[in-house]
Amino acid sequence: MTASTSQSSTLRLLAVHAHPDDESSKGAATMAMYAAAGVDVMVATCTDGSRGDIQNPAMEAEPHPKRDMAGARRLEMNEAARLLGIRQRWLGFVDSGLPEGDPLPPLPAGCFALQPLERAAAPLVRLVRDFKPHVIVSYDENGGYPHPDHIMAHRVAVEAFDAAGDPARYPGTGEAWEPSKLYYDRAFSPERFRALHFALEEAGLQSPYAQRLAAWLEADAEGHTPPPPTHETTTQVDCGDFFEARDNALRAHRTQVDPLGFFFAVSAEMQARVWPWEDYTLIRSKVASELPEKDLFAGLR
């Protein structure tokens, strides 16, 4: 069954994320806006987040995450989903952690990033066939940034988009459903960072983006390819009115997000004034839509 033959008039959006908290830092305002407008929005969380470190100094003394990080993050995810007005499903894989060192240590046995692709994608194919999304959003080939779980989340999202509509693939995971559009999230859009940086400087305020922009300029000067994401923006969703909801959802991930940290260095009000969009790249579409777009469901309404 394809989106065009569905009997339901409700539009559905599925966002595929690596860990609990990723959904709140990437595309959260878009999801909150669509949910408020009646779109059925689902987040698929690939891993349990069990290997995440405590990033919020105020949580250092809390016993729960030290005893059971996955359990603590499950509660945080429930609250973030409630604040965004969305649904959420766990795909059931174990966090791979972020390897550090030179050389990098091997990834833990059994973790998400080491799964064979078909095994890793099967739960997502099942979810796509059950939820029947018209639009799927995930990361680019670099994972947004090169965390092994983010890269695997990209791979399983593309695999599910391609495979879910083919009844011969992934037998036993439900009736075939063909999503119509696949997008990559551009939460780390250099254009957005530049706009906010110069707006802060003009206002006489310190920019948290200065170091990042300087590194990109240095890479350009040396003739290197600027850091990912490398895909051009095709779609900007005007969702500035939901930046506060996004920030509240981020704060709900108390172990992972410092409320005094980078994500909150620029007020939601200034962001909504300077760059009131969340940016995406349309990668594949099975419906006609004219670029640039302002709606992930362009061509489907």
Protein backbone atom coordinates (compact mmCIF):
# COMPACT_ATOMS: atom_id res chain seq x y z
CA MET A 1 0.00 0.00 0.00
CA THR A 2 1.29 3.46 -0.84
CA ALA A 3 0.55 6.79 0.82
CA SER A 4 -1.65 7.76 -2.11
CA THR A 5 -3.96 4.77 -1.54
CA SER A 6 -4.31 5.23 2.22
CA GLN A 7 -7.86 5.57 3.52
CA SER A 8 -6.72 7.89 6.34
CA SER A 9 -6.67 11.64 5.87
CA THR A 10 -4.26 12.16 8.80
CA LEU A 11 -0.73 13.04 7.77
CA ARG A 12 2.00 11.12 9.58
CA LEU A 13 5.64 12.02 10.25
CA LEU A 14 8.30 9.62 11.54
CA ALA A 15 11.62 10.95 12.86
CA VAL A 16 14.41 8.40 13.35
CA HIS A 17 16.91 9.25 16.09
CA ALA A 18 19.87 7.50 17.65
CA HIS A 19 19.42 8.27 21.35
CA PRO A 20 16.88 9.78 23.72
CA ASP A 21 17.54 13.57 23.63
CA ASP A 22 18.49 13.65 19.92
CA GLU A 23 14.86 14.28 18.99
CA SER A 24 14.80 17.39 21.16
CA SER A 25 17.94 18.96 19.68
CA LYS A 26 17.13 18.16 16.04
CA GLY A 27 13.79 19.06 14.52
CA ALA A 28 11.84 19.30 17.77
CA ALA A 29 10.11 22.59 16.96
CA THR A 30 9.03 21.18 13.59
CA MET A 31 7.54 18.14 15.29
CA ALA A 32 5.77 20.22 17.94
CA MET A 33 4.32 22.51 15.27
CA TYR A 34 3.02 19.67 13.15
CA ALA A 35 1.62 17.83 16.19
CA ALA A 36 -0.23 20.97 17.27
CA ALA A 37 -1.71 21.18 13.75
CA GLY A 38 -3.08 17.64 13.91
CA VAL A 39 -0.28 15.68 12.23
CA ASP A 40 0.46 12.31 13.86
CA VAL A 41 4.14 12.55 14.82
CA MET A 42 6.23 9.60 15.95
CA VAL A 43 9.86 9.41 17.08
CA ALA A 44 11.72 6.14 16.70
CA THR A 45 14.58 6.00 19.21
CA CYS A 46 17.14 3.42 18.12
CA THR A 47 19.07 2.93 21.37
CA ASP A 48 18.52 3.06 25.12
CA GLY A 49 21.13 5.76 25.76
CA SER A 50 22.68 3.57 28.45
CA ARG A 51 26.27 4.57 27.68
CA GLY A 52 25.64 8.31 27.86
CA ASP A 53 27.63 10.30 30.41
CA ILE A 54 26.04 12.83 32.73
CA GLN A 55 26.43 16.17 30.93
CA ASN A 56 24.57 18.35 33.43
CA PRO A 57 26.61 19.27 36.53
CA ALA A 58 23.38 19.66 38.52
CA MET A 59 22.71 15.92 38.04
CA GLU A 60 26.08 14.66 39.25
CA ALA A 61 24.75 13.77 42.70
CA GLU A 62 21.60 12.05 41.44
CA PRO A 63 21.67 8.30 42.23
CA HIS A 64 19.24 7.08 39.54
CA PRO A 65 21.33 7.69 36.41
CA LYS A 66 24.43 6.29 38.09
CA ARG A 67 22.55 3.14 38.96
CA ASP A 68 20.42 2.86 35.80
CA MET A 69 21.21 5.37 33.07
CA ALA A 70 18.86 3.71 30.57
CA GLY A 71 15.98 3.86 33.05
CA ALA A 72 16.63 7.50 33.86
CA ARG A 73 16.73 8.40 30.19
CA ARG A 74 13.50 6.51 29.54
CA LEU A 75 11.74 8.77 32.05
CA GLU A 76 13.33 11.83 30.46
CA MET A 77 12.19 10.72 27.02
CA ASN A 78 8.62 10.25 28.24
CA GLU A 79 8.56 13.82 29.53
CA ALA A 80 10.12 15.28 26.36
CA ALA A 81 7.56 13.49 24.19
CA ARG A 82 4.75 14.82 26.37
CA LEU A 83 6.05 18.37 26.08
CA LEU A 84 6.31 18.10 22.28
CA GLY A 85 2.90 16.44 21.93
CA ILE A 86 4.31 13.47 20.02
CA ARG A 87 4.44 9.68 20.25
CA GLN A 88 7.64 7.68 20.67
CA ARG A 89 8.81 4.09 20.24
CA TRP A 90 12.01 2.34 21.32
CA LEU A 91 13.64 0.13 18.71
CA GLY A 92 15.41 -1.87 21.42
CA PHE A 93 19.14 -1.57 20.72
CA VAL A 94 21.99 -0.94 23.14
CA ASP A 95 23.85 2.37 23.01
CA SER A 96 27.29 2.03 21.39
CA GLY A 97 28.89 4.88 23.32
CA LEU A 98 31.26 7.39 21.74
CA PRO A 99 34.74 5.89 21.43
CA GLU A 100 37.60 8.20 22.33
CA GLY A 101 41.37 7.89 22.05
CA ASP A 102 44.05 7.35 19.42
CA PRO A 103 43.71 4.72 18.22
CA LEU A 104 40.01 4.45 18.90
CA PRO A 105 39.01 1.49 21.07
CA PRO A 106 36.69 -1.15 19.61
CA LEU A 107 32.96 -0.67 20.05
CA PRO A 108 31.26 -2.79 22.73
CA ALA A 109 30.06 -6.21 21.57
CA GLY A 110 26.36 -6.32 20.78
CA CYS A 111 25.91 -2.57 20.47
CA PHE A 112 23.69 -0.91 17.87
CA ALA A 113 26.48 0.26 15.58
CA LEU A 114 27.85 -3.28 15.19
CA GLN A 115 24.55 -4.90 14.18
CA PRO A 116 24.19 -6.25 10.64
CA LEU A 117 22.11 -3.78 8.68
CA GLU A 118 19.12 -6.05 8.16
CA ARG A 119 18.97 -6.89 11.86
CA ALA A 120 19.27 -3.24 12.82
CA ALA A 121 16.66 -2.11 10.28
CA ALA A 122 14.04 -4.80 10.89
CA PRO A 123 12.37 -3.12 13.91
CA LEU A 124 12.18 0.15 12.01
CA VAL A 125 10.69 -1.54 8.93
CA ARG A 126 8.09 -3.07 11.24
CA LEU A 127 7.34 0.35 12.73
CA VAL A 128 7.05 1.98 9.29
CA ARG A 129 4.61 -0.69 8.18
CA ASP A 130 2.59 -0.29 11.38
CA PHE A 131 2.63 3.52 11.70
CA LYS A 132 2.48 4.19 7.94
CA PRO A 133 4.32 7.52 7.79
CA HIS A 134 4.09 9.72 4.73
CA VAL A 135 7.39 11.43 5.62
CA ILE A 136 10.54 10.07 7.26
CA VAL A 137 13.24 12.36 8.68
CA SER A 138 16.69 11.28 9.86
CA TYR A 139 20.38 12.20 9.65
CA ASP A 140 22.73 12.52 6.71
CA GLU A 141 25.52 10.04 5.89
CA ASN A 142 27.71 11.57 8.59
CA GLY A 143 25.01 11.11 11.21
CA GLY A 144 24.76 14.88 11.66
CA TYR A 145 28.06 14.35 13.46
CA PRO A 146 30.12 11.16 13.30
CA HIS A 147 28.82 9.25 16.32
CA PRO A 148 28.62 5.54 15.37
CA ASP A 149 24.98 5.31 16.50
CA HIS A 150 24.02 8.36 14.45
CA ILE A 151 25.62 6.88 11.35
CA MET A 152 23.78 3.60 11.91
CA ALA A 153 20.52 5.50 12.49
CA HIS A 154 21.03 7.10 9.08
CA ARG A 155 21.61 3.70 7.50
CA VAL A 156 18.53 2.06 9.01
CA ALA A 157 16.33 5.06 8.11
CA VAL A 158 17.36 4.87 4.45
CA GLU A 159 17.00 1.09 4.47
CA ALA A 160 13.50 1.28 5.95
CA PHE A 161 12.44 3.98 3.50
CA ASP A 162 13.56 1.81 0.59
CA ALA A 163 12.42 -1.57 1.90
CA ALA A 164 9.12 -1.02 3.73
CA GLY A 165 7.12 -0.73 0.52
CA ASP A 166 8.47 -3.98 -0.96
CA PRO A 167 6.42 -6.96 0.24
CA ALA A 168 9.28 -9.32 -0.68
CA ARG A 169 11.65 -7.69 1.81
CA TYR A 170 11.61 -8.17 5.58
CA PRO A 171 8.92 -10.87 5.63
CA GLY A 172 7.00 -11.15 8.87
CA THR A 173 7.20 -7.44 9.70
CA GLY A 174 3.74 -6.43 8.49
CA GLU A 175 1.95 -5.33 5.35
CA ALA A 176 4.05 -3.27 2.95
CA TRP A 177 3.82 0.53 3.21
CA GLU A 178 5.65 2.96 0.93
CA PRO A 179 6.59 6.30 2.53
CA SER A 180 6.48 9.24 0.13
CA LYS A 181 9.35 11.52 1.19
CA LEU A 182 12.73 11.16 2.90
CA TYR A 183 14.49 14.13 4.45
CA TYR A 184 17.82 14.68 6.16
CA ASP A 185 17.80 17.01 9.13
CA ARG A 186 20.15 20.03 8.97
CA ALA A 187 20.15 21.04 12.64
CA PHE A 188 23.82 21.99 12.28
CA SER A 189 23.28 24.16 9.22
CA PRO A 190 26.29 26.48 8.83
CA GLU A 191 23.99 29.18 7.41
CA ARG A 192 21.96 29.20 10.62
CA PHE A 193 25.04 29.40 12.83
CA ARG A 194 26.44 32.29 10.79
CA ALA A 195 23.18 34.24 10.93
CA LEU A 196 22.90 33.85 14.69
CA HIS A 197 26.59 34.63 15.21
CA PHE A 198 26.45 37.94 13.33
CA ALA A 199 23.14 38.90 14.98
CA LEU A 200 24.71 38.40 18.40
CA GLU A 201 27.79 40.42 17.46
CA GLU A 202 25.62 43.26 16.14
CA ALA A 203 23.75 43.25 19.46
CA GLY A 204 27.03 43.45 21.37
CA LEU A 205 26.59 39.96 22.80
CA GLN A 206 29.08 37.12 23.01
CA SER A 207 28.54 34.45 20.38
CA PRO A 208 28.79 30.76 21.36
CA TYR A 209 29.39 29.95 17.69
CA ALA A 210 32.62 31.91 17.16
CA GLN A 211 34.97 28.95 17.67
CA ARG A 212 32.96 26.66 15.41
CA LEU A 213 32.79 29.24 12.61
CA ALA A 214 36.51 29.96 12.91
CA ALA A 215 37.28 26.24 12.47
CA TRP A 216 35.11 26.13 9.36
CA LEU A 217 36.79 29.22 7.91
CA GLU A 218 40.22 27.69 8.59
CA ALA A 219 39.15 24.51 6.78
CA ASP A 220 37.98 26.59 3.81
CA ALA A 221 41.25 28.54 3.74
CA GLU A 222 43.26 25.31 3.64
CA GLY A 223 41.18 24.03 0.74
CA HIS A 224 39.42 21.34 2.74
CA THR A 225 35.77 20.48 2.33
CA PRO A 226 33.74 22.29 4.99
CA PRO A 227 32.47 19.97 7.70
CA PRO A 228 29.16 18.13 7.28
CA PRO A 229 26.33 18.47 6.68
CA THR A 230 27.21 18.94 3.03
CA HIS A 231 23.67 18.74 1.63
CA GLU A 232 22.03 21.99 0.60
CA THR A 233 18.85 23.10 2.33
CA THR A 234 15.77 22.46 0.20
CA THR A 235 13.10 22.91 2.85
CA GLN A 236 12.69 25.44 5.64
CA VAL A 237 9.87 24.89 8.10
CA ASP A 238 8.77 28.10 9.84
CA CYS A 239 8.38 26.94 13.44
CA GLY A 240 9.80 29.77 15.55
CA ASP A 241 6.66 29.86 17.68
CA PHE A 242 7.61 26.39 18.93
CA PHE A 243 11.23 27.08 19.90
CA GLU A 244 10.19 27.38 23.54
CA ALA A 245 8.56 23.94 23.38
CA ARG A 246 11.76 22.60 21.85
CA ASP A 247 13.85 24.13 24.65
CA ASN A 248 11.53 22.73 27.32
CA ALA A 249 11.83 19.28 25.77
CA LEU A 250 15.61 19.60 25.75
CA ARG A 251 15.61 20.55 29.42
CA ALA A 252 13.58 17.43 30.16
CA HIS A 253 16.69 15.38 29.24
CA ARG A 254 18.22 16.41 32.55
CA THR A 255 21.17 14.01 32.50
CA GLN A 256 22.29 15.01 29.01
CA VAL A 257 21.58 18.72 28.70
CA ASP A 258 23.00 21.51 30.84
CA PRO A 259 20.32 24.23 31.10
CA LEU A 260 23.16 26.76 31.27
CA GLY A 261 25.00 25.28 28.31
CA PHE A 262 25.46 25.69 24.57
CA PHE A 263 21.91 24.93 23.45
CA PHE A 264 20.50 27.77 25.54
CA ALA A 265 23.20 30.37 24.93
CA VAL A 266 20.91 32.24 22.52
CA SER A 267 17.37 32.96 23.62
CA ALA A 268 14.46 31.35 21.83
CA GLU A 269 13.15 34.86 21.10
CA MET A 270 16.34 35.92 19.30
CA GLN A 271 16.50 32.66 17.37
CA ALA A 272 12.89 33.09 16.29
CA ARG A 273 13.65 36.60 15.09
CA VAL A 274 16.92 35.82 13.27
CA TRP A 275 16.33 32.27 11.98
CA PRO A 276 12.73 31.14 12.62
CA TRP A 277 13.15 27.94 10.61
CA GLU A 278 14.37 24.41 10.97
CA ASP A 279 16.25 23.27 7.88
CA TYR A 280 16.01 20.03 5.91
CA THR A 281 17.21 18.44 2.70
CA LEU A 282 14.72 16.54 0.57
CA ILE A 283 16.58 13.39 -0.48
CA ARG A 284 13.86 11.34 -2.14
CA SER A 285 10.27 12.05 -3.10
CA LYS A 286 7.64 9.91 -4.74
CA VAL A 287 5.29 12.88 -5.13
CA ALA A 288 5.72 16.07 -7.14
CA SER A 289 6.82 19.06 -5.09
CA GLU A 290 8.51 22.29 -6.12
CA LEU A 291 11.77 23.33 -4.47
CA PRO A 292 12.42 25.18 -2.29
CA GLU A 293 9.72 23.99 0.09
CA LYS A 294 8.21 25.37 3.28
CA ASP A 295 6.41 22.18 4.30
CA LEU A 296 7.63 18.60 4.74
CA PHE A 297 4.24 17.50 3.41
CA ALA A 298 4.42 19.58 0.22
CA GLY A 299 2.85 17.52 -2.56
CA LEU A 300 0.91 15.39 -0.07
CA ARG A 301 -1.77 17.79 1.12
